[in-house]
């Protein structure tokens, strides 16, 4: 599956994502929804106003609501205040007369998605992600979430967007750190999917936008295949998408790392633990570690510790205790790797996880 530079090119898999060369007009939005809402409400990251392309596009819509992207936007305590302002802005409306458009990164998508899921018991929703991570991950699959105090994603809903638009010219000129972050999430999906996707990643990936753009549709389709097996996270199959996230989320929180960078480091940890457990060995294991360290530039534990200082084990335990992957107070679901394209979920004790982080050098006593 290769992205198209033309307008409105559907991905091969039967989902509601579209590859666009430029931002969709109101007519294109209406075509994707299959009906014409009376009002479009664009919820957008206010930093995007400075972008000439996006600023011009926003002026086409009379109803816009600017927000500060980031975790503070997802604070449940702040949500009622946002809701009052939005209701006043769009009044009057019915559940079919209003369509919410989320324009921004993952936090804006979470906020807009949750809003669309609860306002009038649900209104149509469109995502236009403006970060590569949101474009390949959070905009797809229908999960929305808000935070309670400092604990992430404690309140949410499953609410798939009616359409997702991936717009190529939004992503031009991204700095290397954002490309590396996108590469971490992209490689996670290639490792989960295996087969042609992994082979193409190994052969074609570079830290540049054109290379990532060519592989992006494969990551999106791979995610939809997993989501369709477990749309409401009941069977556990969807948890495979958490590969690299157990340690990754903790590193992200403690060191304020970009999400994809933290996931890349978490993939190194998962690969080495899988090796140590005897699950994943041989040339493919070596190839995965080579891609993570050489091609993507992620660091193994000792080098990471030299750059960032080791994480104290007790601090990591506190961070893990807040993670949604916990099954009870002493266990969590961890995603191991048996081979490329063969991740699997296993219940492990927190003690064994912490011991392994110490063995590899991620934590100290």
Protein backbone atom coordinates (compact mmCIF):
# COMPACT_ATOMS: atom_id res chain seq x y z
CA UNK A 1 0.00 0.00 0.00
CA UNK A 2 1.61 3.25 -1.08
CA UNK A 3 0.34 6.73 -0.32
CA UNK A 4 -0.90 8.80 -3.20
CA UNK A 5 -0.10 12.43 -3.91
CA UNK A 6 -3.59 12.91 -5.26
CA UNK A 7 -6.62 13.97 -3.27
CA UNK A 8 -8.84 11.57 -1.30
CA UNK A 9 -6.94 8.33 -1.77
CA UNK A 10 -8.38 5.60 0.48
CA UNK A 11 -6.05 3.10 2.11
CA UNK A 12 -6.43 -0.49 0.88
CA UNK A 13 -7.85 -1.70 4.17
CA UNK A 14 -11.50 -0.90 4.69
CA UNK A 15 -11.15 1.86 7.25
CA UNK A 16 -12.13 5.51 7.26
CA UNK A 17 -8.64 6.93 6.81
CA UNK A 18 -7.69 8.99 3.78
CA UNK A 19 -4.36 10.15 2.41
CA UNK A 20 -4.56 13.77 1.30
CA UNK A 21 -2.05 16.05 -0.36
CA UNK A 22 -3.71 19.14 1.10
CA UNK A 23 -6.29 19.99 3.73
CA UNK A 24 -9.81 18.88 2.78
CA UNK A 25 -12.43 21.41 1.77
CA UNK A 26 -15.84 21.46 3.41
CA UNK A 27 -17.14 19.65 0.33
CA UNK A 28 -14.61 16.84 0.78
CA UNK A 29 -15.46 16.57 4.45
CA UNK A 30 -19.14 16.30 3.59
CA UNK A 31 -18.43 13.59 1.01
CA UNK A 32 -16.52 11.49 3.55
CA UNK A 33 -19.31 11.76 6.13
CA UNK A 34 -22.06 10.92 3.65
CA UNK A 35 -24.23 13.83 4.84
CA UNK A 36 -23.89 17.59 5.30
CA UNK A 37 -23.80 18.80 8.91
CA UNK A 38 -25.19 22.26 9.51
CA UNK A 39 -22.07 23.21 11.49
CA UNK A 40 -18.42 22.18 11.62
CA UNK A 41 -16.63 22.95 14.89
CA UNK A 42 -12.84 22.87 14.53
CA UNK A 43 -10.99 22.24 17.79
CA UNK A 44 -7.35 23.05 17.12
CA UNK A 45 -4.00 23.57 18.79
CA UNK A 46 -3.59 27.35 18.92
CA UNK A 47 0.07 27.05 17.92
CA UNK A 48 -1.10 25.99 14.47
CA UNK A 49 -2.46 29.48 13.77
CA UNK A 50 1.11 30.53 12.97
CA UNK A 51 1.27 28.04 10.12
CA UNK A 52 0.31 29.89 6.92
CA UNK A 53 -1.34 26.85 5.32
CA UNK A 54 -3.40 25.90 8.37
CA UNK A 55 -4.20 29.49 9.31
CA UNK A 56 -5.71 30.08 5.87
CA UNK A 57 -7.71 26.83 6.10
CA UNK A 58 -9.09 27.72 9.54
CA UNK A 59 -10.50 30.97 8.20
CA UNK A 60 -12.90 28.93 6.04
CA UNK A 61 -14.72 27.75 9.18
CA UNK A 62 -16.84 30.17 11.25
CA UNK A 63 -16.81 27.96 14.37
CA UNK A 64 -13.34 27.31 15.80
CA UNK A 65 -12.13 26.64 19.34
CA UNK A 66 -8.43 27.12 20.13
CA UNK A 67 -6.75 25.02 22.84
CA UNK A 68 -3.27 24.56 24.25
CA UNK A 69 -2.11 21.12 23.16
CA UNK A 70 -0.50 18.91 25.80
CA UNK A 71 -1.47 16.86 28.83
CA UNK A 72 -3.03 19.84 30.66
CA UNK A 73 -5.71 19.93 27.96
CA UNK A 74 -6.75 16.42 29.02
CA UNK A 75 -7.29 17.37 32.67
CA UNK A 76 -10.79 16.16 33.62
CA UNK A 77 -11.13 19.03 36.10
CA UNK A 78 -10.79 21.56 33.28
CA UNK A 79 -13.23 19.79 30.94
CA UNK A 80 -16.49 21.33 32.27
CA UNK A 81 -15.11 24.82 31.66
CA UNK A 82 -14.25 23.94 28.06
CA UNK A 83 -17.66 22.35 27.62
CA UNK A 84 -19.53 25.45 28.78
CA UNK A 85 -17.64 27.63 26.30
CA UNK A 86 -18.16 25.18 23.44
CA UNK A 87 -21.89 24.79 24.10
CA UNK A 88 -22.27 28.55 24.07
CA UNK A 89 -20.29 28.76 20.82
CA UNK A 90 -22.31 26.17 18.88
CA UNK A 91 -25.80 26.73 20.35
CA UNK A 92 -28.31 25.69 19.09
CA UNK A 93 -27.47 22.28 17.62
CA UNK A 94 -28.64 18.67 17.44
CA UNK A 95 -26.63 15.46 17.49
CA UNK A 96 -26.65 15.30 13.67
CA UNK A 97 -26.30 18.99 12.91
CA UNK A 98 -22.82 19.38 14.43
CA UNK A 99 -19.55 17.73 13.37
CA UNK A 100 -16.43 18.06 15.53
CA UNK A 101 -13.05 18.26 13.78
CA UNK A 102 -9.94 17.65 15.87
CA UNK A 103 -6.89 19.36 14.36
CA UNK A 104 -3.68 18.76 16.28
CA UNK A 105 -1.56 16.10 17.95
CA UNK A 106 -2.58 13.25 20.23
CA UNK A 107 -3.79 15.36 23.15
CA UNK A 108 -6.06 17.45 20.90
CA UNK A 109 -7.37 14.27 19.30
CA UNK A 110 -8.13 12.76 22.72
CA UNK A 111 -9.90 15.92 23.85
CA UNK A 112 -11.91 16.37 20.63
CA UNK A 113 -12.78 12.67 20.52
CA UNK A 114 -14.00 12.59 24.11
CA UNK A 115 -16.02 15.76 23.57
CA UNK A 116 -17.64 14.35 20.42
CA UNK A 117 -18.48 11.11 22.24
CA UNK A 118 -20.36 12.76 25.12
CA UNK A 119 -21.88 15.97 23.75
CA UNK A 120 -25.55 15.26 22.89
CA UNK A 121 -24.65 11.58 23.51
CA UNK A 122 -22.38 11.63 20.46
CA UNK A 123 -21.89 13.77 17.36
CA UNK A 124 -19.92 13.06 14.16
CA UNK A 125 -16.14 13.28 14.49
CA UNK A 126 -13.27 13.91 12.06
CA UNK A 127 -9.58 13.71 12.96
CA UNK A 128 -6.90 15.68 11.10
CA UNK A 129 -3.68 14.79 12.95
CA UNK A 130 -0.82 17.28 12.73
CA UNK A 131 1.91 15.09 14.27
CA UNK A 132 3.25 11.92 12.68
CA UNK A 133 2.62 9.96 15.89
CA UNK A 134 -1.05 10.91 15.89
CA UNK A 135 -1.23 10.21 12.14
CA UNK A 136 -0.04 6.64 12.52
CA UNK A 137 -1.44 5.81 15.94
CA UNK A 138 -3.76 7.80 18.19
CA UNK A 139 -6.09 9.12 15.45
CA UNK A 140 -7.04 5.52 14.61
CA UNK A 141 -8.80 2.93 16.71
CA UNK A 142 -11.40 5.02 18.48
CA UNK A 143 -9.87 5.44 21.93
CA UNK A 144 -10.40 8.77 23.71
CA UNK A 145 -9.17 9.67 27.18
CA UNK A 146 -8.85 12.37 29.82
CA UNK A 147 -6.60 12.43 32.87
CA UNK A 148 -7.48 12.53 36.56
CA UNK A 149 -4.92 14.73 38.32
CA UNK A 150 -1.53 13.38 37.19
CA UNK A 151 -2.79 9.91 36.30
CA UNK A 152 -3.12 9.53 32.55
CA UNK A 153 -6.10 8.25 30.58
CA UNK A 154 -8.37 7.30 33.49
CA UNK A 155 -11.66 8.48 31.91
CA UNK A 156 -12.51 7.87 28.29
CA UNK A 157 -14.60 6.18 25.65
CA UNK A 158 -14.37 4.10 22.52
CA UNK A 159 -15.51 6.43 19.77
CA UNK A 160 -14.07 5.85 16.27
CA UNK A 161 -13.90 8.91 14.04
CA UNK A 162 -16.21 9.08 11.04
CA UNK A 163 -13.15 10.03 8.98
CA UNK A 164 -9.41 10.53 9.47
CA UNK A 165 -7.44 12.69 7.05
CA UNK A 166 -3.67 12.32 6.77
CA UNK A 167 -2.48 15.48 5.02
CA UNK A 168 1.02 15.32 3.57
CA UNK A 169 1.90 18.99 3.42
CA UNK A 170 1.24 19.42 7.16
CA UNK A 171 4.34 17.36 7.91
CA UNK A 172 6.95 19.10 5.76
CA UNK A 173 10.10 20.41 7.44
CA UNK A 174 9.84 18.42 10.67
CA UNK A 175 12.98 18.41 12.88
CA UNK A 176 15.06 15.25 13.29
CA UNK A 177 13.77 14.57 16.83
CA UNK A 178 10.17 14.35 15.60
CA UNK A 179 11.21 12.07 12.73
CA UNK A 180 13.07 9.82 15.16
CA UNK A 181 10.06 9.77 17.47
CA UNK A 182 7.80 8.79 14.57
CA UNK A 183 10.32 6.15 13.61
CA UNK A 184 10.05 4.51 17.03
CA UNK A 185 6.28 4.06 16.73
CA UNK A 186 6.58 3.05 13.07
CA UNK A 187 9.14 0.36 13.90
CA UNK A 188 6.93 -0.94 16.70
CA UNK A 189 4.18 -1.58 14.16
CA UNK A 190 6.63 -3.16 11.68
CA UNK A 191 7.89 -5.49 14.44
CA UNK A 192 4.33 -6.46 15.39
CA UNK A 193 3.22 -6.99 11.79
CA UNK A 194 6.37 -8.63 10.43
CA UNK A 195 6.35 -9.90 6.84
CA UNK A 196 6.46 -7.37 4.03
CA UNK A 197 6.11 -4.40 6.37
CA UNK A 198 9.19 -5.35 8.41
CA UNK A 199 11.20 -6.14 5.28
CA UNK A 200 10.32 -2.80 3.71
CA UNK A 201 11.15 -0.96 6.91
CA UNK A 202 14.56 -2.65 7.07
CA UNK A 203 15.28 -1.82 3.43
CA UNK A 204 13.71 1.63 3.04
CA UNK A 205 13.59 3.44 6.39
CA UNK A 206 15.53 6.68 6.75
CA UNK A 207 15.09 9.60 9.10
CA UNK A 208 13.38 11.70 6.47
CA UNK A 209 9.78 12.55 5.72
CA UNK A 210 9.58 10.88 2.31
CA UNK A 211 10.72 7.50 3.66
CA UNK A 212 8.30 7.68 6.60
CA UNK A 213 5.46 8.79 4.33
CA UNK A 214 5.92 5.71 2.12
CA UNK A 215 5.64 3.36 5.12
CA UNK A 216 2.88 5.23 6.97
CA UNK A 217 -0.14 3.51 5.32
CA UNK A 218 1.25 0.08 6.26
CA UNK A 219 1.43 1.11 9.92
CA UNK A 220 -2.14 2.44 9.86
CA UNK A 221 -3.51 -0.70 8.23
CA UNK A 222 -1.60 -2.93 10.66
CA UNK A 223 -3.17 -1.07 13.57
CA UNK A 224 -6.68 -1.44 12.16
CA UNK A 225 -6.19 -5.18 11.74
CA UNK A 226 -5.37 -5.50 15.44
CA UNK A 227 -8.13 -3.13 16.55
CA UNK A 228 -10.76 -5.09 14.61
CA UNK A 229 -9.85 -8.24 16.56
CA UNK A 230 -10.44 -6.48 19.90
CA UNK A 231 -12.23 -3.15 19.36
CA UNK A 232 -13.16 -2.64 23.04
CA UNK A 233 -10.03 -4.19 24.61
CA UNK A 234 -11.91 -7.16 26.05
CA UNK A 235 -10.01 -10.16 24.66
CA UNK A 236 -6.56 -8.72 25.27
CA UNK A 237 -5.40 -9.00 21.65
CA UNK A 238 -5.29 -5.23 21.25
CA UNK A 239 -2.78 -5.04 24.10
CA UNK A 240 -0.15 -6.23 21.63
CA UNK A 241 -0.02 -2.55 20.57
CA UNK A 242 1.59 -1.88 23.98
CA UNK A 243 4.85 -3.48 22.81
CA UNK A 244 7.65 -1.27 24.14
CA UNK A 245 5.24 0.83 26.21
CA UNK A 246 5.66 -0.64 29.72
CA UNK A 247 9.10 0.83 30.29
CA UNK A 248 8.51 3.42 27.56
CA UNK A 249 5.66 5.17 29.37
CA UNK A 250 7.74 5.39 32.54
CA UNK A 251 10.72 6.87 30.68
CA UNK A 252 8.41 9.29 28.90
CA UNK A 253 6.92 10.50 32.19
CA UNK A 254 10.17 10.71 34.16
CA UNK A 255 12.46 12.23 31.53
CA UNK A 256 9.82 14.14 29.51
CA UNK A 257 10.86 12.26 26.38
CA UNK A 258 8.85 12.39 23.15
CA UNK A 259 6.52 9.39 23.07
CA UNK A 260 8.13 7.64 20.13
CA UNK A 261 11.62 8.05 21.58
CA UNK A 262 10.47 6.46 24.84
CA UNK A 263 8.77 3.62 22.92
CA UNK A 264 11.99 3.00 20.97
CA UNK A 265 13.92 2.64 24.24
CA UNK A 266 11.14 0.37 25.53
CA UNK A 267 11.50 -1.81 22.43
CA UNK A 268 15.18 -2.32 23.22
CA UNK A 269 14.23 -3.38 26.74
CA UNK A 270 11.52 -5.76 25.48
CA UNK A 271 13.87 -7.30 22.92
CA UNK A 272 16.64 -7.91 25.46
CA UNK A 273 14.23 -9.30 28.07
CA UNK A 274 12.73 -11.60 25.44
CA UNK A 275 16.28 -12.77 24.63
CA UNK A 276 17.10 -13.30 28.31
CA UNK A 277 13.94 -15.36 28.77
CA UNK A 278 14.90 -17.53 25.77
CA UNK A 279 11.93 -16.44 23.64
CA UNK A 280 13.69 -14.43 20.94
CA UNK A 281 17.15 -15.33 19.69
CA UNK A 282 19.13 -15.64 16.50
CA UNK A 283 19.64 -13.37 13.51
CA UNK A 284 16.24 -11.68 13.71
CA UNK A 285 16.90 -10.60 17.29
CA UNK A 286 20.27 -9.15 16.29
CA UNK A 287 18.62 -7.44 13.31
CA UNK A 288 15.99 -5.80 15.54
CA UNK A 289 18.60 -4.44 17.95
CA UNK A 290 20.74 -3.20 15.04
CA UNK A 291 17.79 -1.35 13.51
CA UNK A 292 16.87 0.22 16.85
CA UNK A 293 20.37 1.38 17.73
CA UNK A 294 22.04 2.03 14.38
CA UNK A 295 19.22 3.02 12.01
CA UNK A 296 16.96 4.75 14.53
CA UNK A 297 19.60 5.98 16.96
CA UNK A 298 18.09 4.68 20.21
CA UNK A 299 20.32 3.89 23.18
CA UNK A 300 20.82 0.70 25.14
CA UNK A 301 20.52 1.04 28.90
CA UNK A 302 24.13 1.84 29.82
CA UNK A 303 24.41 4.54 27.15
CA UNK A 304 20.98 5.90 28.06
CA UNK A 305 22.05 6.13 31.70
CA UNK A 306 25.19 8.08 30.73
CA UNK A 307 23.04 10.61 28.90
CA UNK A 308 20.05 10.84 31.27
CA UNK A 309 21.16 9.22 34.56
CA UNK A 310 19.63 5.95 35.72
CA UNK A 311 16.10 5.84 37.07
CA UNK A 312 15.83 4.88 40.74
CA UNK A 313 14.05 1.54 41.04
CA UNK A 314 11.55 2.77 43.65
CA UNK A 315 10.58 5.68 41.38
CA UNK A 316 10.00 3.30 38.45
CA UNK A 317 7.81 1.12 40.69
CA UNK A 318 5.64 4.15 41.51
CA UNK A 319 5.33 5.06 37.84
CA UNK A 320 4.41 1.49 36.89
CA UNK A 321 1.77 1.29 39.62
CA UNK A 322 -0.21 3.99 37.79
CA UNK A 323 -0.04 2.19 34.45
CA UNK A 324 -3.23 0.84 32.87
CA UNK A 325 -1.40 -2.41 31.96
CA UNK A 326 -1.47 -3.45 35.63
CA UNK A 327 -3.63 -6.52 36.24
CA UNK A 328 -3.49 -6.23 40.04
CA UNK A 329 -1.24 -4.63 42.63
CA UNK A 330 1.67 -7.02 41.93
CA UNK A 331 1.29 -8.04 38.28
CA UNK A 332 1.18 -6.46 34.84
CA UNK A 333 0.73 -7.59 31.26
CA UNK A 334 3.99 -7.41 29.35
CA UNK A 335 4.45 -7.84 25.61
CA UNK A 336 7.34 -10.15 24.74
CA UNK A 337 8.70 -11.06 21.30
CA UNK A 338 9.02 -14.63 20.04
CA UNK A 339 10.07 -13.54 16.55
CA UNK A 340 9.50 -10.72 14.09
CA UNK A 341 5.71 -10.61 13.62
CA UNK A 342 5.16 -12.80 16.69
CA UNK A 343 4.70 -10.67 19.81
CA UNK A 344 2.77 -12.21 22.70
CA UNK A 345 1.27 -11.08 25.98
CA UNK A 346 2.30 -12.59 29.32
CA UNK A 347 1.39 -11.77 32.89
CA UNK A 348 4.54 -11.02 34.90
CA UNK A 349 5.23 -9.84 38.42
CA UNK A 350 6.28 -6.25 38.95
CA UNK A 351 9.26 -7.63 40.86
CA UNK A 352 10.51 -9.57 37.82
CA UNK A 353 10.06 -6.51 35.63
CA UNK A 354 11.98 -4.29 38.04
CA UNK A 355 14.74 -6.89 38.43
CA UNK A 356 15.17 -7.01 34.65
CA UNK A 357 15.40 -3.21 34.38
CA UNK A 358 18.16 -3.35 36.96
CA UNK A 359 19.95 -6.21 35.19
CA UNK A 360 19.97 -4.28 31.92
CA UNK A 361 21.05 -1.04 33.61
CA UNK A 362 17.91 1.09 33.29
CA UNK A 363 17.48 1.40 37.07
CA UNK A 364 19.61 1.54 40.19
CA UNK A 365 18.69 0.77 43.77
